[in-house]
Amino acid sequence: MNNKILEIENLTVSFDGFKALNNLNFSLDAGELRVIIGPNGAGKTTFLDIITGKVQPTEGRVLFKGRNLRRIAEHKIARLGIGRKFQTPRVYLNLTPRENLELSCNRNKNVLATLFSKTPTSEQKTVKGLLETIGLDLKADIPAQLLSHGEKQRLEIGMLVAQSPDLLLVDEPVAGLTDEETAQTGDLLLALAESHSIIVIEHDMEFVRQIARKVTVLHQGSVLCEGNIEEVQNDPRVIEVYLGQPTEAEAHPVQEELV
């Protein structure tokens, strides 16, 4: 039985001759947490765009639970069970965290219905549990605009989870966060990984060390290497891509920089 929730096969994406992704091959097991790293221009954003249908492949294919996603609209891919969190939090600032989560629990519901109709008991329990999971149960009923940046990030992750996706795509969730907020976000993703498949794009290597079980390094639109964080940080190809080829005397400081 195939346990792969996501498979990307020989995939190329060209923009006017420039290959943002170049013969990329990648797979993710169901229930796996994977971190994607790579220097600027490595193709990380296009990688997420191709999974969610925002960009169509020039060659190759993307399979989600065995289904080819080619030419399926973005909103239909979302309904198949893929949720994406962008770098900037996308929450309703004038609504409370509770109302944001209630709205996300039922994607057929509009804002007015959320505000003026009674929430079913089952949804109330779901929302209560999510508020506790994301650490916002004590701030559940204040406007989301009063939350810190890190709290808004966790709220948006909660909003994704409320939609019951099978695969979570999380783009740079700790950019601009304090050390404490970064640790809280890492703990949240590790908790969610107990019941979800998750791909995280991230630059913060200390955060990567906190959450990573397996790391994939992208470079020039292809997979450069994969492995645990120790294997990746000590791979000469990764050191060269990030910081230039070190001399023997410089090797240790370079590896320190990567972690």
C-alpha atoms as a PDB file:
ATOM      1  CA  MET A   1       0.000   0.000   0.000  1.00  0.00           C
ATOM      2  CA  ASN A   2       1.284   3.452  -0.984  1.00  0.00           C
ATOM      3  CA  ASN A   3       1.733   5.544   2.165  1.00  0.00           C
ATOM      4  CA  LYS A   4       2.705   8.684   0.243  1.00  0.00           C
ATOM      5  CA  ILE A   5       0.278  11.567   0.700  1.00  0.00           C
ATOM      6  CA  LEU A   6       2.210  13.766  -1.752  1.00  0.00           C
ATOM      7  CA  GLU A   7       4.358  12.821  -4.746  1.00  0.00           C
ATOM      8  CA  ILE A   8       6.027  15.240  -7.148  1.00  0.00           C
ATOM      9  CA  GLU A   9       7.483  13.575 -10.217  1.00  0.00           C
ATOM     10  CA  ASN A  10       9.985  15.043 -12.712  1.00  0.00           C
ATOM     11  CA  LEU A  11       8.402  18.445 -12.297  1.00  0.00           C
ATOM     12  CA  THR A  12       9.580  21.536 -14.156  1.00  0.00           C
ATOM     13  CA  VAL A  13       8.075  25.031 -14.025  1.00  0.00           C
ATOM     14  CA  SER A  14       9.355  27.517 -16.589  1.00  0.00           C
ATOM     15  CA  PHE A  15       8.664  31.250 -16.682  1.00  0.00           C
ATOM     16  CA  ASP A  16       9.795  32.714 -20.006  1.00  0.00           C
ATOM     17  CA  GLY A  17      12.617  30.199 -20.187  1.00  0.00           C
ATOM     18  CA  PHE A  18      13.662  30.506 -16.534  1.00  0.00           C
ATOM     19  CA  LYS A  19      13.209  27.227 -14.670  1.00  0.00           C
ATOM     20  CA  ALA A  20      11.847  28.052 -11.202  1.00  0.00           C
ATOM     21  CA  LEU A  21      11.609  24.300 -10.612  1.00  0.00           C
ATOM     22  CA  ASN A  22      13.852  21.974 -12.583  1.00  0.00           C
ATOM     23  CA  ASN A  23      13.076  18.248 -12.835  1.00  0.00           C
ATOM     24  CA  LEU A  24      12.055  18.210  -9.156  1.00  0.00           C
ATOM     25  CA  ASN A  25      11.269  14.926  -7.443  1.00  0.00           C
ATOM     26  CA  PHE A  26       9.828  14.884  -3.933  1.00  0.00           C
ATOM     27  CA  SER A  27       7.585  12.711  -1.781  1.00  0.00           C
ATOM     28  CA  LEU A  28       5.985  13.014   1.648  1.00  0.00           C
ATOM     29  CA  ASP A  29       4.689  10.174   3.790  1.00  0.00           C
ATOM     30  CA  ALA A  30       1.264  10.439   5.387  1.00  0.00           C
ATOM     31  CA  GLY A  31       1.714  11.783   8.915  1.00  0.00           C
ATOM     32  CA  GLU A  32       5.182  13.203   8.213  1.00  0.00           C
ATOM     33  CA  LEU A  33       6.525  16.626   9.229  1.00  0.00           C
ATOM     34  CA  ARG A  34       9.020  17.868   6.639  1.00  0.00           C
ATOM     35  CA  VAL A  35      10.993  21.121   6.648  1.00  0.00           C
ATOM     36  CA  ILE A  36      12.061  22.687   3.336  1.00  0.00           C
ATOM     37  CA  ILE A  37      15.039  25.038   3.357  1.00  0.00           C
ATOM     38  CA  GLY A  38      17.086  26.707   0.661  1.00  0.00           C
ATOM     39  CA  PRO A  39      18.667  30.033  -0.257  1.00  0.00           C
ATOM     40  CA  ASN A  40      16.665  32.843  -1.863  1.00  0.00           C
ATOM     41  CA  GLY A  41      15.653  31.886  -5.386  1.00  0.00           C
ATOM     42  CA  ALA A  42      15.792  28.161  -4.672  1.00  0.00           C
ATOM     43  CA  GLY A  43      12.151  27.698  -5.737  1.00  0.00           C
ATOM     44  CA  LYS A  44      10.497  27.346  -2.336  1.00  0.00           C
ATOM     45  CA  THR A  45       7.497  29.593  -3.051  1.00  0.00           C
ATOM     46  CA  THR A  46       6.946  28.029  -6.474  1.00  0.00           C
ATOM     47  CA  PHE A  47       7.110  24.643  -4.748  1.00  0.00           C
ATOM     48  CA  LEU A  48       4.075  25.591  -2.630  1.00  0.00           C
ATOM     49  CA  ASP A  49       2.348  27.286  -5.573  1.00  0.00           C
ATOM     50  CA  ILE A  50       2.539  24.123  -7.649  1.00  0.00           C
ATOM     51  CA  ILE A  51       1.000  21.982  -4.873  1.00  0.00           C
ATOM     52  CA  THR A  52      -1.916  24.379  -4.335  1.00  0.00           C
ATOM     53  CA  GLY A  53      -2.638  24.894  -8.038  1.00  0.00           C
ATOM     54  CA  LYS A  54      -1.639  28.538  -8.171  1.00  0.00           C
ATOM     55  CA  VAL A  55       0.966  27.587 -10.783  1.00  0.00           C
ATOM     56  CA  GLN A  56       0.694  24.802 -13.355  1.00  0.00           C
ATOM     57  CA  PRO A  57       3.684  22.599 -14.207  1.00  0.00           C
ATOM     58  CA  THR A  58       5.416  22.891 -17.546  1.00  0.00           C
ATOM     59  CA  GLU A  59       6.379  19.237 -17.262  1.00  0.00           C
ATOM     60  CA  GLY A  60       5.806  16.497 -14.700  1.00  0.00           C
ATOM     61  CA  ARG A  61       2.989  16.031 -12.226  1.00  0.00           C
ATOM     62  CA  VAL A  62       1.847  16.457  -8.629  1.00  0.00           C
ATOM     63  CA  LEU A  63      -0.065  13.607  -6.987  1.00  0.00           C
ATOM     64  CA  PHE A  64      -2.067  14.172  -3.791  1.00  0.00           C
ATOM     65  CA  LYS A  65      -3.282  10.919  -2.262  1.00  0.00           C
ATOM     66  CA  GLY A  66      -2.669   9.394  -5.689  1.00  0.00           C
ATOM     67  CA  ARG A  67      -4.695  12.001  -7.591  1.00  0.00           C
ATOM     68  CA  ASN A  68      -3.083  14.127 -10.282  1.00  0.00           C
ATOM     69  CA  LEU A  69      -3.690  17.792  -9.415  1.00  0.00           C
ATOM     70  CA  ARG A  70      -2.979  19.114 -12.896  1.00  0.00           C
ATOM     71  CA  ARG A  71      -5.592  21.641 -14.070  1.00  0.00           C
ATOM     72  CA  ILE A  72      -7.615  21.421 -10.856  1.00  0.00           C
ATOM     73  CA  ALA A  73      -8.616  24.880  -9.595  1.00  0.00           C
ATOM     74  CA  GLU A  74      -7.051  26.227  -6.388  1.00  0.00           C
ATOM     75  CA  HIS A  75     -10.297  26.211  -4.402  1.00  0.00           C
ATOM     76  CA  LYS A  76     -11.017  22.629  -5.435  1.00  0.00           C
ATOM     77  CA  ILE A  77      -7.530  21.542  -4.359  1.00  0.00           C
ATOM     78  CA  ALA A  78      -8.180  23.181  -0.981  1.00  0.00           C
ATOM     79  CA  ARG A  79     -11.387  21.169  -0.662  1.00  0.00           C
ATOM     80  CA  LEU A  80      -9.468  17.972  -1.440  1.00  0.00           C
ATOM     81  CA  GLY A  81      -7.602  18.527   1.827  1.00  0.00           C
ATOM     82  CA  ILE A  82      -4.639  20.878   1.297  1.00  0.00           C
ATOM     83  CA  GLY A  83      -4.410  23.955   3.525  1.00  0.00           C
ATOM     84  CA  ARG A  84      -1.836  26.702   3.042  1.00  0.00           C
ATOM     85  CA  LYS A  85      -0.621  29.311   5.497  1.00  0.00           C
ATOM     86  CA  PHE A  86       1.107  32.297   3.899  1.00  0.00           C
ATOM     87  CA  GLN A  87       3.964  34.302   5.431  1.00  0.00           C
ATOM     88  CA  THR A  88       1.699  37.201   6.441  1.00  0.00           C
ATOM     89  CA  PRO A  89      -1.181  36.227   8.762  1.00  0.00           C
ATOM     90  CA  ARG A  90      -4.560  36.334   7.020  1.00  0.00           C
ATOM     91  CA  VAL A  91      -7.077  36.674   9.811  1.00  0.00           C
ATOM     92  CA  TYR A  92     -10.199  38.809  10.265  1.00  0.00           C
ATOM     93  CA  LEU A  93      -8.814  41.542  12.497  1.00  0.00           C
ATOM     94  CA  ASN A  94     -12.211  42.880  13.585  1.00  0.00           C
ATOM     95  CA  LEU A  95     -13.398  39.435  14.664  1.00  0.00           C
ATOM     96  CA  THR A  96     -12.292  37.609  17.791  1.00  0.00           C
ATOM     97  CA  PRO A  97     -10.130  34.465  17.646  1.00  0.00           C
ATOM     98  CA  ARG A  98     -13.243  32.451  18.512  1.00  0.00           C
ATOM     99  CA  GLU A  99     -15.196  34.000  15.614  1.00  0.00           C
ATOM    100  CA  ASN A 100     -12.262  33.486  13.218  1.00  0.00           C
ATOM    101  CA  LEU A 101     -12.194  29.797  14.106  1.00  0.00           C
ATOM    102  CA  GLU A 102     -15.974  29.438  13.903  1.00  0.00           C
ATOM    103  CA  LEU A 103     -15.881  30.932  10.425  1.00  0.00           C
ATOM    104  CA  SER A 104     -13.141  28.513   9.376  1.00  0.00           C
ATOM    105  CA  CYS A 105     -14.953  25.453  10.748  1.00  0.00           C
ATOM    106  CA  ASN A 106     -17.645  25.818   8.105  1.00  0.00           C
ATOM    107  CA  ARG A 107     -16.343  27.173   4.830  1.00  0.00           C
ATOM    108  CA  ASN A 108     -19.896  27.587   3.550  1.00  0.00           C
ATOM    109  CA  LYS A 109     -20.611  30.063   6.322  1.00  0.00           C
ATOM    110  CA  ASN A 110     -20.228  33.813   5.786  1.00  0.00           C
ATOM    111  CA  VAL A 111     -19.152  36.470   8.281  1.00  0.00           C
ATOM    112  CA  LEU A 112     -22.718  37.660   9.017  1.00  0.00           C
ATOM    113  CA  ALA A 113     -23.892  34.122   9.697  1.00  0.00           C
ATOM    114  CA  THR A 114     -20.988  33.625  12.072  1.00  0.00           C
ATOM    115  CA  LEU A 115     -21.807  36.775  13.997  1.00  0.00           C
ATOM    116  CA  PHE A 116     -25.592  36.459  14.188  1.00  0.00           C
ATOM    117  CA  SER A 117     -26.434  32.746  14.175  1.00  0.00           C
ATOM    118  CA  LYS A 118     -25.939  30.198  16.928  1.00  0.00           C
ATOM    119  CA  THR A 119     -22.913  27.977  16.541  1.00  0.00           C
ATOM    120  CA  PRO A 120     -23.736  24.236  16.711  1.00  0.00           C
ATOM    121  CA  THR A 121     -22.572  22.484  19.869  1.00  0.00           C
ATOM    122  CA  SER A 122     -20.153  20.254  17.944  1.00  0.00           C
ATOM    123  CA  GLU A 123     -18.463  23.306  16.416  1.00  0.00           C
ATOM    124  CA  GLN A 124     -18.296  25.005  19.820  1.00  0.00           C
ATOM    125  CA  LYS A 125     -16.379  22.006  21.170  1.00  0.00           C
ATOM    126  CA  THR A 126     -14.067  21.993  18.161  1.00  0.00           C
ATOM    127  CA  VAL A 127     -13.370  25.711  18.516  1.00  0.00           C
ATOM    128  CA  LYS A 128     -12.782  25.397  22.257  1.00  0.00           C
ATOM    129  CA  GLY A 129     -10.255  22.654  21.669  1.00  0.00           C
ATOM    130  CA  LEU A 130      -8.498  24.639  18.948  1.00  0.00           C
ATOM    131  CA  LEU A 131      -8.265  27.735  21.144  1.00  0.00           C
ATOM    132  CA  GLU A 132      -6.544  25.642  23.784  1.00  0.00           C
ATOM    133  CA  THR A 133      -4.255  24.004  21.211  1.00  0.00           C
ATOM    134  CA  ILE A 134      -3.053  27.342  19.797  1.00  0.00           C
ATOM    135  CA  GLY A 135      -2.792  28.916  23.241  1.00  0.00           C
ATOM    136  CA  LEU A 136      -5.449  31.595  22.759  1.00  0.00           C
ATOM    137  CA  ASP A 137      -8.173  30.336  25.089  1.00  0.00           C
ATOM    138  CA  LEU A 138      -7.593  33.312  27.423  1.00  0.00           C
ATOM    139  CA  LYS A 139      -7.804  35.774  24.522  1.00  0.00           C
ATOM    140  CA  ALA A 140     -10.657  34.069  22.696  1.00  0.00           C
ATOM    141  CA  ASP A 141     -13.050  37.016  22.810  1.00  0.00           C
ATOM    142  CA  ILE A 142     -10.912  40.073  22.122  1.00  0.00           C
ATOM    143  CA  PRO A 143     -10.523  41.532  18.603  1.00  0.00           C
ATOM    144  CA  ALA A 144      -7.803  39.728  16.685  1.00  0.00           C
ATOM    145  CA  GLN A 145      -6.190  43.069  15.886  1.00  0.00           C
ATOM    146  CA  LEU A 146      -5.078  43.241  19.541  1.00  0.00           C
ATOM    147  CA  LEU A 147      -3.111  40.002  19.293  1.00  0.00           C
ATOM    148  CA  SER A 148       0.654  39.991  18.926  1.00  0.00           C
ATOM    149  CA  HIS A 149       2.186  38.991  15.600  1.00  0.00           C
ATOM    150  CA  GLY A 150       3.005  35.536  16.955  1.00  0.00           C
ATOM    151  CA  GLU A 151      -0.522  35.066  18.272  1.00  0.00           C
ATOM    152  CA  LYS A 152      -1.932  36.001  14.869  1.00  0.00           C
ATOM    153  CA  GLN A 153       0.353  33.432  13.273  1.00  0.00           C
ATOM    154  CA  ARG A 154      -0.897  30.735  15.626  1.00  0.00           C
ATOM    155  CA  LEU A 155      -4.496  31.829  15.056  1.00  0.00           C
ATOM    156  CA  GLU A 156      -4.119  31.414  11.310  1.00  0.00           C
ATOM    157  CA  ILE A 157      -2.622  27.955  11.804  1.00  0.00           C
ATOM    158  CA  GLY A 158      -5.653  27.162  13.953  1.00  0.00           C
ATOM    159  CA  MET A 159      -7.935  28.442  11.198  1.00  0.00           C
ATOM    160  CA  LEU A 160      -6.291  26.050   8.767  1.00  0.00           C
ATOM    161  CA  VAL A 161      -6.676  23.127  11.148  1.00  0.00           C
ATOM    162  CA  ALA A 162     -10.352  24.039  11.622  1.00  0.00           C
ATOM    163  CA  GLN A 163     -10.891  23.192   7.942  1.00  0.00           C
ATOM    164  CA  SER A 164      -9.690  19.613   8.597  1.00  0.00           C
ATOM    165  CA  PRO A 165      -7.002  19.413   5.898  1.00  0.00           C
ATOM    166  CA  ASP A 166      -4.931  16.283   5.432  1.00  0.00           C
ATOM    167  CA  LEU A 167      -1.865  18.307   4.405  1.00  0.00           C
ATOM    168  CA  LEU A 168      -0.752  21.602   5.962  1.00  0.00           C
ATOM    169  CA  LEU A 169       1.611  23.872   4.017  1.00  0.00           C
ATOM    170  CA  VAL A 170       3.155  26.441   6.355  1.00  0.00           C
ATOM    171  CA  ASP A 171       5.284  29.235   4.876  1.00  0.00           C
ATOM    172  CA  GLU A 172       7.854  30.865   7.209  1.00  0.00           C
ATOM    173  CA  PRO A 173       5.691  30.771  10.353  1.00  0.00           C
ATOM    174  CA  VAL A 174       8.260  32.372  12.679  1.00  0.00           C
ATOM    175  CA  ALA A 175       9.385  35.348  10.580  1.00  0.00           C
ATOM    176  CA  GLY A 176       9.431  38.401  12.835  1.00  0.00           C
ATOM    177  CA  LEU A 177       8.635  36.479  16.028  1.00  0.00           C
ATOM    178  CA  THR A 178      10.344  36.726  19.391  1.00  0.00           C
ATOM    179  CA  ASP A 179      12.301  33.747  20.687  1.00  0.00           C
ATOM    180  CA  GLU A 180       9.427  32.845  23.011  1.00  0.00           C
ATOM    181  CA  GLU A 181       6.840  33.088  20.210  1.00  0.00           C
ATOM    182  CA  THR A 182       9.095  31.011  17.948  1.00  0.00           C
ATOM    183  CA  ALA A 183       9.303  28.252  20.549  1.00  0.00           C
ATOM    184  CA  GLN A 184       5.515  28.335  21.037  1.00  0.00           C
ATOM    185  CA  THR A 185       4.944  28.031  17.288  1.00  0.00           C
ATOM    186  CA  GLY A 186       7.356  25.119  17.126  1.00  0.00           C
ATOM    187  CA  ASP A 187       5.559  23.338  19.946  1.00  0.00           C
ATOM    188  CA  LEU A 188       2.244  23.905  18.154  1.00  0.00           C
ATOM    189  CA  LEU A 189       3.490  22.416  14.874  1.00  0.00           C
ATOM    190  CA  LEU A 190       4.972  19.411  16.672  1.00  0.00           C
ATOM    191  CA  ALA A 191       1.624  18.835  18.391  1.00  0.00           C
ATOM    192  CA  LEU A 192      -0.256  19.117  15.093  1.00  0.00           C
ATOM    193  CA  ALA A 193       2.174  16.697  13.460  1.00  0.00           C
ATOM    194  CA  GLU A 194       0.708  13.973  15.637  1.00  0.00           C
ATOM    195  CA  SER A 195      -2.413  14.027  13.455  1.00  0.00           C
ATOM    196  CA  HIS A 196      -1.480  15.889  10.239  1.00  0.00           C
ATOM    197  CA  SER A 197       0.993  15.768   7.383  1.00  0.00           C
ATOM    198  CA  ILE A 198       2.918  19.053   7.400  1.00  0.00           C
ATOM    199  CA  ILE A 199       5.398  20.832   5.131  1.00  0.00           C
ATOM    200  CA  VAL A 200       7.143  23.866   6.629  1.00  0.00           C
ATOM    201  CA  ILE A 201       9.178  26.372   4.617  1.00  0.00           C
ATOM    202  CA  GLU A 202      11.616  28.172   6.903  1.00  0.00           C
ATOM    203  CA  HIS A 203      14.852  30.204   7.027  1.00  0.00           C
ATOM    204  CA  ASP A 204      15.346  30.265  10.803  1.00  0.00           C
ATOM    205  CA  MET A 205      17.757  27.381  11.332  1.00  0.00           C
ATOM    206  CA  GLU A 206      17.361  27.337  15.102  1.00  0.00           C
ATOM    207  CA  PHE A 207      13.620  26.838  14.569  1.00  0.00           C
ATOM    208  CA  VAL A 208      14.350  24.143  11.982  1.00  0.00           C
ATOM    209  CA  ARG A 209      16.465  22.362  14.569  1.00  0.00           C
ATOM    210  CA  GLN A 210      13.538  22.524  17.032  1.00  0.00           C
ATOM    211  CA  ILE A 211      10.943  20.897  14.782  1.00  0.00           C
ATOM    212  CA  ALA A 212      12.748  19.051  12.000  1.00  0.00           C
ATOM    213  CA  ARG A 213      12.475  15.313  11.650  1.00  0.00           C
ATOM    214  CA  LYS A 214      13.615  15.348   8.040  1.00  0.00           C
ATOM    215  CA  VAL A 215      14.911  18.290   6.021  1.00  0.00           C
ATOM    216  CA  THR A 216      14.836  18.810   2.259  1.00  0.00           C
ATOM    217  CA  VAL A 217      17.218  21.379   0.756  1.00  0.00           C
ATOM    218  CA  LEU A 218      16.186  23.061  -2.502  1.00  0.00           C
ATOM    219  CA  HIS A 219      18.704  24.723  -4.801  1.00  0.00           C
ATOM    220  CA  GLN A 220      18.063  26.133  -8.258  1.00  0.00           C
ATOM    221  CA  GLY A 221      14.672  24.460  -8.399  1.00  0.00           C
ATOM    222  CA  SER A 222      15.829  20.936  -7.568  1.00  0.00           C
ATOM    223  CA  VAL A 223      16.361  18.831  -4.460  1.00  0.00           C
ATOM    224  CA  LEU A 224      19.998  19.225  -3.409  1.00  0.00           C
ATOM    225  CA  CYS A 225      19.892  16.800  -0.499  1.00  0.00           C
ATOM    226  CA  GLU A 226      17.654  15.331   2.197  1.00  0.00           C
ATOM    227  CA  GLY A 227      18.261  13.985   5.669  1.00  0.00           C
ATOM    228  CA  ASN A 228      18.103  14.846   9.336  1.00  0.00           C
ATOM    229  CA  ILE A 229      19.341  18.251  10.474  1.00  0.00           C
ATOM    230  CA  GLU A 230      22.820  16.995  11.391  1.00  0.00           C
ATOM    231  CA  GLU A 231      23.294  15.342   7.994  1.00  0.00           C
ATOM    232  CA  VAL A 232      22.094  18.432   6.164  1.00  0.00           C
ATOM    233  CA  GLN A 233      24.123  20.987   8.112  1.00  0.00           C
ATOM    234  CA  ASN A 234      27.305  18.987   7.562  1.00  0.00           C
ATOM    235  CA  ASP A 235      26.738  18.334   3.853  1.00  0.00           C
ATOM    236  CA  PRO A 236      29.484  20.182   1.895  1.00  0.00           C
ATOM    237  CA  ARG A 237      27.025  20.975  -0.895  1.00  0.00           C
ATOM    238  CA  VAL A 238      24.679  22.741   1.513  1.00  0.00           C
ATOM    239  CA  ILE A 239      27.510  24.711   3.111  1.00  0.00           C
ATOM    240  CA  GLU A 240      28.687  25.809  -0.324  1.00  0.00           C
ATOM    241  CA  VAL A 241      25.203  26.824  -1.496  1.00  0.00           C
ATOM    242  CA  TYR A 242      24.484  28.932   1.576  1.00  0.00           C
ATOM    243  CA  LEU A 243      27.848  30.503   2.325  1.00  0.00           C
ATOM    244  CA  GLY A 244      30.323  29.696  -0.414  1.00  0.00           C
ATOM    245  CA  GLN A 245      32.910  26.929  -0.348  1.00  0.00           C
ATOM    246  CA  PRO A 246      34.779  27.172   2.992  1.00  0.00           C
ATOM    247  CA  THR A 247      38.461  26.524   3.444  1.00  0.00           C
ATOM    248  CA  GLU A 248      39.389  23.734   5.848  1.00  0.00           C
ATOM    249  CA  ALA A 249      40.132  26.292   8.590  1.00  0.00           C
ATOM    250  CA  GLU A 250      36.763  27.972   8.035  1.00  0.00           C
ATOM    251  CA  ALA A 251      34.660  24.810   7.977  1.00  0.00           C
ATOM    252  CA  HIS A 252      33.675  24.782  11.638  1.00  0.00           C
ATOM    253  CA  PRO A 253      32.448  28.437  11.749  1.00  0.00           C
ATOM    254  CA  VAL A 254      30.406  27.877   8.594  1.00  0.00           C
ATOM    255  CA  GLN A 255      28.617  24.897  10.130  1.00  0.00           C
ATOM    256  CA  GLU A 256      27.905  26.982  13.233  1.00  0.00           C
ATOM    257  CA  GLU A 257      26.255  29.578  10.988  1.00  0.00           C
ATOM    258  CA  LEU A 258      23.952  26.952   9.468  1.00  0.00           C
ATOM    259  CA  VAL A 259      22.559  25.947  12.846  1.00  0.00           C
END
